[in-house]
């Protein structure tokens, strides 16, 4: 699968980004890393090129803001893709109705990421 990892350019934690990318890469996936998507992005191109969009959110934003119901246009089309969000309190996805927390973090740090990766390996998630 092709994953687009979109980082929070304002508060990047490079070690966490590297670990997420490495985990996905080591499990047979293609990884592309980009800074925050700009207003002029061609969302049709992004949608056609990637199977999953992964966000790393290092600030205390509402998860709901990444799954807007009323948003229209090209940006809304990204919500039809499989989306993973690594936030300060856990990992969310849109595979189940609404953003669903699939894993809880006590904080976004290396230890919590390692716990998540071990959980994924036990369940054979994200492995091609």
N, C-alpha and C. Protein backbone atom coordinates (compact mmCIF):
# COMPACT_ATOMS: atom_id res chain seq x y z
N UNK A 1 0.84 -1.18 0.00
CA UNK A 1 0.00 0.00 0.00
C UNK A 1 0.88 1.24 0.00
N UNK A 2 0.33 2.30 -0.52
CA UNK A 2 1.02 3.59 -0.52
C UNK A 2 0.43 4.48 0.56
N UNK A 3 1.29 4.92 1.47
CA UNK A 3 0.89 5.79 2.57
C UNK A 3 1.47 7.18 2.37
N UNK A 4 0.64 8.19 2.56
CA UNK A 4 1.10 9.58 2.58
C UNK A 4 1.08 10.02 4.02
N UNK A 5 2.25 10.30 4.59
CA UNK A 5 2.38 10.75 5.96
C UNK A 5 2.47 12.27 5.96
N UNK A 6 1.47 12.92 6.51
CA UNK A 6 1.42 14.37 6.55
C UNK A 6 1.77 14.82 7.96
N UNK A 7 2.81 15.60 8.06
CA UNK A 7 3.31 16.00 9.37
C UNK A 7 2.80 17.38 9.75
N UNK A 8 2.82 17.63 11.04
CA UNK A 8 2.44 18.92 11.59
C UNK A 8 3.67 19.81 11.51
N UNK A 9 3.71 20.70 10.54
CA UNK A 9 4.93 21.47 10.31
C UNK A 9 5.22 22.46 11.42
N UNK A 10 4.24 22.79 12.23
CA UNK A 10 4.46 23.75 13.30
C UNK A 10 5.15 23.14 14.51
N UNK A 11 4.89 21.85 14.79
CA UNK A 11 5.44 21.23 15.99
C UNK A 11 5.95 19.83 15.69
N UNK A 12 6.74 19.71 14.65
CA UNK A 12 7.22 18.39 14.25
C UNK A 12 8.06 17.74 15.33
N UNK A 13 7.85 16.46 15.49
CA UNK A 13 8.70 15.64 16.34
C UNK A 13 9.31 14.61 15.39
N UNK A 14 10.46 14.94 14.86
CA UNK A 14 11.06 14.16 13.78
C UNK A 14 11.26 12.70 14.14
N UNK A 15 11.65 12.39 15.36
CA UNK A 15 11.87 11.00 15.75
C UNK A 15 10.58 10.19 15.64
N UNK A 16 9.44 10.77 16.01
CA UNK A 16 8.16 10.07 15.91
C UNK A 16 7.76 9.85 14.46
N UNK A 17 7.97 10.86 13.64
CA UNK A 17 7.68 10.75 12.21
C UNK A 17 8.51 9.64 11.60
N UNK A 18 9.80 9.63 11.93
CA UNK A 18 10.70 8.60 11.41
C UNK A 18 10.26 7.21 11.85
N UNK A 19 9.83 7.07 13.09
CA UNK A 19 9.42 5.76 13.60
C UNK A 19 8.14 5.27 12.93
N UNK A 20 7.19 6.14 12.71
CA UNK A 20 5.95 5.75 12.01
C UNK A 20 6.28 5.32 10.59
N UNK A 21 7.08 6.13 9.90
CA UNK A 21 7.46 5.81 8.52
C UNK A 21 8.25 4.50 8.47
N UNK A 22 9.16 4.31 9.40
CA UNK A 22 9.97 3.08 9.42
C UNK A 22 9.10 1.85 9.66
N UNK A 23 8.14 1.94 10.58
CA UNK A 23 7.26 0.81 10.86
C UNK A 23 6.47 0.43 9.61
N UNK A 24 5.89 1.40 8.95
CA UNK A 24 5.11 1.12 7.74
C UNK A 24 6.00 0.58 6.63
N UNK A 25 7.17 1.18 6.44
CA UNK A 25 8.12 0.75 5.41
C UNK A 25 8.59 -0.68 5.66
N UNK A 26 8.94 -0.99 6.90
CA UNK A 26 9.44 -2.33 7.24
C UNK A 26 8.38 -3.41 7.07
N UNK A 27 7.13 -3.01 6.98
CA UNK A 27 6.05 -3.97 6.78
C UNK A 27 5.59 -4.01 5.33
N UNK A 28 6.45 -3.55 4.41
CA UNK A 28 6.22 -3.72 2.99
C UNK A 28 5.39 -2.65 2.31
N UNK A 29 5.28 -1.49 2.92
CA UNK A 29 4.48 -0.41 2.35
C UNK A 29 5.37 0.67 1.74
N UNK A 30 4.81 1.46 0.84
CA UNK A 30 5.49 2.63 0.29
C UNK A 30 5.08 3.83 1.12
N UNK A 31 6.06 4.66 1.49
CA UNK A 31 5.82 5.79 2.37
C UNK A 31 6.28 7.07 1.69
N UNK A 32 5.43 8.09 1.74
CA UNK A 32 5.76 9.42 1.25
C UNK A 32 5.45 10.39 2.37
N UNK A 33 6.40 11.25 2.70
CA UNK A 33 6.24 12.19 3.81
C UNK A 33 6.15 13.60 3.24
N UNK A 34 5.15 14.35 3.71
CA UNK A 34 4.96 15.73 3.28
C UNK A 34 4.67 16.59 4.49
N UNK A 35 5.02 17.85 4.39
CA UNK A 35 4.62 18.81 5.41
C UNK A 35 3.12 19.06 5.23
N UNK A 36 2.54 19.75 6.14
CA UNK A 36 1.12 20.07 6.14
C UNK A 36 0.64 20.43 4.72
N UNK A 37 -0.52 19.90 4.33
CA UNK A 37 -1.06 20.20 3.00
C UNK A 37 -1.46 21.67 2.92
N UNK A 38 -1.08 22.32 1.84
CA UNK A 38 -1.42 23.72 1.64
C UNK A 38 -2.78 23.89 1.01
N UNK A 39 -3.21 25.13 0.93
CA UNK A 39 -4.53 25.44 0.37
C UNK A 39 -4.60 25.17 -1.13
N UNK A 40 -3.47 25.21 -1.81
CA UNK A 40 -3.47 25.06 -3.26
C UNK A 40 -3.15 23.64 -3.73
N UNK A 41 -3.21 22.68 -2.82
CA UNK A 41 -2.91 21.31 -3.20
C UNK A 41 -3.94 20.76 -4.17
N UNK A 42 -3.52 19.90 -5.07
CA UNK A 42 -4.43 19.23 -5.98
C UNK A 42 -4.87 17.93 -5.31
N UNK A 43 -6.01 17.99 -4.63
CA UNK A 43 -6.48 16.87 -3.84
C UNK A 43 -6.84 15.67 -4.71
N UNK A 44 -7.23 15.89 -5.96
CA UNK A 44 -7.52 14.76 -6.85
C UNK A 44 -6.28 13.93 -7.09
N UNK A 45 -5.14 14.59 -7.26
CA UNK A 45 -3.88 13.89 -7.48
C UNK A 45 -3.51 13.10 -6.23
N UNK A 46 -3.61 13.74 -5.08
CA UNK A 46 -3.29 13.07 -3.82
C UNK A 46 -4.19 11.86 -3.63
N UNK A 47 -5.48 12.03 -3.88
CA UNK A 47 -6.43 10.94 -3.70
C UNK A 47 -6.12 9.77 -4.62
N UNK A 48 -5.71 10.05 -5.84
CA UNK A 48 -5.47 8.98 -6.80
C UNK A 48 -4.14 8.27 -6.55
N UNK A 49 -3.18 8.92 -5.91
CA UNK A 49 -1.84 8.33 -5.77
C UNK A 49 -1.64 7.50 -4.51
N UNK A 50 -2.45 7.72 -3.47
CA UNK A 50 -2.18 7.08 -2.18
C UNK A 50 -3.38 6.27 -1.71
N UNK A 51 -3.10 5.15 -1.02
CA UNK A 51 -4.15 4.31 -0.47
C UNK A 51 -4.60 4.78 0.90
N UNK A 52 -3.69 5.37 1.65
CA UNK A 52 -3.99 5.79 3.02
C UNK A 52 -3.28 7.10 3.31
N UNK A 53 -3.95 7.96 4.05
CA UNK A 53 -3.37 9.22 4.47
C UNK A 53 -3.19 9.16 5.98
N UNK A 54 -1.96 9.44 6.43
CA UNK A 54 -1.62 9.38 7.85
C UNK A 54 -1.22 10.77 8.31
N UNK A 55 -1.88 11.24 9.37
CA UNK A 55 -1.56 12.53 9.96
C UNK A 55 -0.85 12.31 11.29
N UNK A 56 0.14 13.16 11.57
CA UNK A 56 0.76 13.21 12.89
C UNK A 56 0.43 14.58 13.45
N UNK A 57 -0.36 14.58 14.51
CA UNK A 57 -0.83 15.82 15.12
C UNK A 57 -0.19 15.95 16.49
N UNK A 58 0.69 16.91 16.64
CA UNK A 58 1.40 17.08 17.91
C UNK A 58 0.78 18.18 18.77
N UNK A 59 -0.32 18.74 18.34
CA UNK A 59 -0.98 19.79 19.12
C UNK A 59 -2.35 19.29 19.57
N UNK A 60 -3.01 20.06 20.37
CA UNK A 60 -4.25 19.63 21.00
C UNK A 60 -5.47 20.03 20.16
N UNK A 61 -5.50 19.66 18.89
CA UNK A 61 -6.64 19.94 18.02
C UNK A 61 -7.70 18.88 18.19
N UNK A 62 -8.92 19.26 17.86
CA UNK A 62 -10.02 18.32 17.88
C UNK A 62 -9.89 17.35 16.72
N UNK A 63 -10.03 16.06 17.01
CA UNK A 63 -9.96 15.04 15.96
C UNK A 63 -11.08 15.26 14.96
N UNK A 64 -12.22 15.72 15.41
CA UNK A 64 -13.35 15.95 14.52
C UNK A 64 -13.02 16.94 13.41
N UNK A 65 -12.07 17.85 13.65
CA UNK A 65 -11.71 18.83 12.63
C UNK A 65 -11.06 18.19 11.41
N UNK A 66 -10.59 16.95 11.55
CA UNK A 66 -9.98 16.25 10.42
C UNK A 66 -10.97 15.39 9.66
N UNK A 67 -12.20 15.30 10.17
CA UNK A 67 -13.26 14.54 9.52
C UNK A 67 -14.50 15.42 9.41
N UNK A 68 -14.42 16.56 8.69
CA UNK A 68 -15.56 17.48 8.65
C UNK A 68 -16.73 16.90 7.88
N UNK A 69 -17.93 17.06 8.44
CA UNK A 69 -19.14 16.58 7.78
C UNK A 69 -19.63 17.57 6.72
N UNK A 70 -19.51 18.85 7.00
CA UNK A 70 -20.09 19.86 6.12
C UNK A 70 -19.13 20.34 5.05
N UNK A 71 -17.88 19.93 5.11
CA UNK A 71 -16.89 20.37 4.13
C UNK A 71 -17.24 19.82 2.76
N UNK A 72 -17.11 20.63 1.74
CA UNK A 72 -17.41 20.19 0.38
C UNK A 72 -16.17 20.39 -0.50
N UNK A 73 -16.25 19.89 -1.69
CA UNK A 73 -15.18 20.10 -2.65
C UNK A 73 -14.13 19.02 -2.60
N UNK A 74 -12.98 19.33 -3.19
CA UNK A 74 -11.91 18.35 -3.34
C UNK A 74 -11.35 17.88 -2.00
N UNK A 75 -11.20 18.79 -1.05
CA UNK A 75 -10.62 18.39 0.23
C UNK A 75 -11.49 17.34 0.91
N UNK A 76 -12.81 17.45 0.77
CA UNK A 76 -13.70 16.46 1.36
C UNK A 76 -13.49 15.08 0.73
N UNK A 77 -13.03 15.04 -0.50
CA UNK A 77 -12.81 13.75 -1.16
C UNK A 77 -11.70 12.96 -0.47
N UNK A 78 -10.79 13.63 0.22
CA UNK A 78 -9.75 12.92 0.97
C UNK A 78 -10.36 12.12 2.11
N UNK A 79 -11.50 12.56 2.63
CA UNK A 79 -12.14 11.85 3.73
C UNK A 79 -12.68 10.50 3.28
N UNK A 80 -12.79 10.26 1.99
CA UNK A 80 -13.23 8.97 1.49
C UNK A 80 -12.08 7.96 1.46
N UNK A 81 -10.88 8.43 1.67
CA UNK A 81 -9.70 7.57 1.79
C UNK A 81 -9.62 7.02 3.20
N UNK A 82 -8.85 5.94 3.36
CA UNK A 82 -8.54 5.43 4.69
C UNK A 82 -7.60 6.44 5.34
N UNK A 83 -7.96 6.94 6.50
CA UNK A 83 -7.18 7.96 7.19
C UNK A 83 -6.82 7.46 8.59
N UNK A 84 -5.55 7.63 8.95
CA UNK A 84 -5.06 7.36 10.30
C UNK A 84 -4.56 8.67 10.88
N UNK A 85 -4.89 8.93 12.13
CA UNK A 85 -4.40 10.12 12.81
C UNK A 85 -3.70 9.71 14.09
N UNK A 86 -2.41 10.04 14.18
CA UNK A 86 -1.65 9.85 15.41
C UNK A 86 -1.74 11.18 16.16
N UNK A 87 -2.41 11.17 17.30
CA UNK A 87 -2.58 12.39 18.08
C UNK A 87 -1.99 12.21 19.46
N UNK A 88 -2.10 13.23 20.28
CA UNK A 88 -1.49 13.17 21.61
C UNK A 88 -2.17 12.17 22.53
N UNK A 89 -3.40 11.75 22.21
CA UNK A 89 -4.08 10.81 23.10
C UNK A 89 -4.38 9.45 22.46
N UNK A 90 -3.95 9.23 21.23
CA UNK A 90 -4.17 7.92 20.63
C UNK A 90 -4.15 7.94 19.12
N UNK A 91 -4.53 6.81 18.55
CA UNK A 91 -4.58 6.65 17.10
C UNK A 91 -6.05 6.52 16.71
N UNK A 92 -6.46 7.32 15.74
CA UNK A 92 -7.83 7.34 15.26
C UNK A 92 -7.84 6.92 13.80
N UNK A 93 -8.97 6.38 13.36
CA UNK A 93 -9.13 6.07 11.94
C UNK A 93 -10.58 6.29 11.54
N UNK A 94 -10.79 6.31 10.25
CA UNK A 94 -12.14 6.49 9.72
C UNK A 94 -12.67 5.20 9.11
N UNK A 95 -12.03 4.07 9.39
CA UNK A 95 -12.49 2.79 8.84
C UNK A 95 -13.83 2.37 9.45
N UNK A 96 -14.06 2.74 10.68
CA UNK A 96 -15.33 2.52 11.35
C UNK A 96 -16.10 3.84 11.29
N UNK A 97 -17.40 3.83 11.57
CA UNK A 97 -18.14 5.08 11.52
C UNK A 97 -17.51 6.17 12.38
N UNK A 98 -17.41 7.37 11.80
CA UNK A 98 -16.85 8.56 12.41
C UNK A 98 -15.40 8.29 12.81
N UNK A 99 -14.70 9.28 13.28
CA UNK A 99 -13.33 8.97 13.72
C UNK A 99 -13.40 8.09 14.95
N UNK A 100 -12.83 6.94 14.84
CA UNK A 100 -12.88 5.94 15.90
C UNK A 100 -11.48 5.75 16.47
N UNK A 101 -11.35 5.86 17.80
CA UNK A 101 -10.05 5.65 18.42
C UNK A 101 -9.77 4.16 18.44
N UNK A 102 -8.69 3.77 17.77
CA UNK A 102 -8.34 2.36 17.72
C UNK A 102 -7.27 1.99 18.74
N UNK A 103 -6.59 3.01 19.28
CA UNK A 103 -5.54 2.74 20.27
C UNK A 103 -5.37 3.97 21.14
N UNK A 104 -5.24 3.77 22.45
CA UNK A 104 -5.10 4.88 23.38
C UNK A 104 -3.63 5.11 23.73
N UNK A 105 -3.23 6.39 23.72
CA UNK A 105 -1.91 6.81 24.19
C UNK A 105 -2.07 7.55 25.50
N UNK A 106 -1.08 7.39 26.38
CA UNK A 106 -1.00 8.26 27.56
C UNK A 106 -0.25 9.53 27.22
N UNK A 107 0.30 9.60 26.05
CA UNK A 107 1.02 10.76 25.52
C UNK A 107 1.68 10.34 24.24
N UNK A 108 1.88 11.26 23.33
CA UNK A 108 2.51 10.94 22.05
C UNK A 108 4.02 10.95 22.25
N UNK A 109 4.57 9.76 22.48
CA UNK A 109 6.01 9.63 22.71
C UNK A 109 6.48 8.28 22.18
N UNK A 110 7.78 8.05 22.25
CA UNK A 110 8.37 6.83 21.70
C UNK A 110 7.82 5.56 22.37
N UNK A 111 7.68 5.60 23.67
CA UNK A 111 7.19 4.43 24.39
C UNK A 111 5.78 4.04 23.92
N UNK A 112 4.90 5.02 23.79
CA UNK A 112 3.53 4.75 23.36
C UNK A 112 3.48 4.27 21.91
N UNK A 113 4.34 4.83 21.06
CA UNK A 113 4.41 4.35 19.67
C UNK A 113 4.87 2.89 19.62
N UNK A 114 5.83 2.54 20.44
CA UNK A 114 6.31 1.16 20.49
C UNK A 114 5.19 0.22 20.91
N UNK A 115 4.40 0.62 21.90
CA UNK A 115 3.26 -0.20 22.32
C UNK A 115 2.28 -0.38 21.16
N UNK A 116 2.02 0.69 20.42
CA UNK A 116 1.11 0.63 19.27
C UNK A 116 1.66 -0.30 18.20
N UNK A 117 2.94 -0.20 17.88
CA UNK A 117 3.54 -1.04 16.86
C UNK A 117 3.49 -2.52 17.25
N UNK A 118 3.74 -2.83 18.51
CA UNK A 118 3.65 -4.21 18.98
C UNK A 118 2.22 -4.74 18.86
N UNK A 119 1.25 -3.90 19.19
CA UNK A 119 -0.16 -4.25 19.06
C UNK A 119 -0.49 -4.54 17.59
N UNK A 120 -0.01 -3.69 16.69
CA UNK A 120 -0.25 -3.88 15.25
C UNK A 120 0.39 -5.19 14.77
N UNK A 121 1.59 -5.49 15.21
CA UNK A 121 2.25 -6.72 14.81
C UNK A 121 1.49 -7.95 15.29
N UNK A 122 0.98 -7.90 16.51
CA UNK A 122 0.20 -9.03 17.04
C UNK A 122 -1.07 -9.25 16.24
N UNK A 123 -1.68 -8.18 15.77
CA UNK A 123 -2.92 -8.29 14.99
C UNK A 123 -2.67 -8.35 13.49
N UNK A 124 -1.40 -8.29 13.08
CA UNK A 124 -1.02 -8.31 11.65
C UNK A 124 -1.64 -7.13 10.89
N UNK A 125 -1.65 -5.97 11.53
CA UNK A 125 -2.17 -4.75 10.89
C UNK A 125 -1.06 -4.04 10.12
N UNK A 126 -1.40 -3.44 9.00
CA UNK A 126 -0.50 -2.64 8.17
C UNK A 126 0.64 -3.46 7.57
N UNK A 127 0.45 -4.75 7.48
CA UNK A 127 1.46 -5.63 6.91
C UNK A 127 0.98 -6.09 5.54
N UNK A 128 1.83 -5.90 4.53
CA UNK A 128 1.45 -6.32 3.18
C UNK A 128 2.07 -7.65 2.84
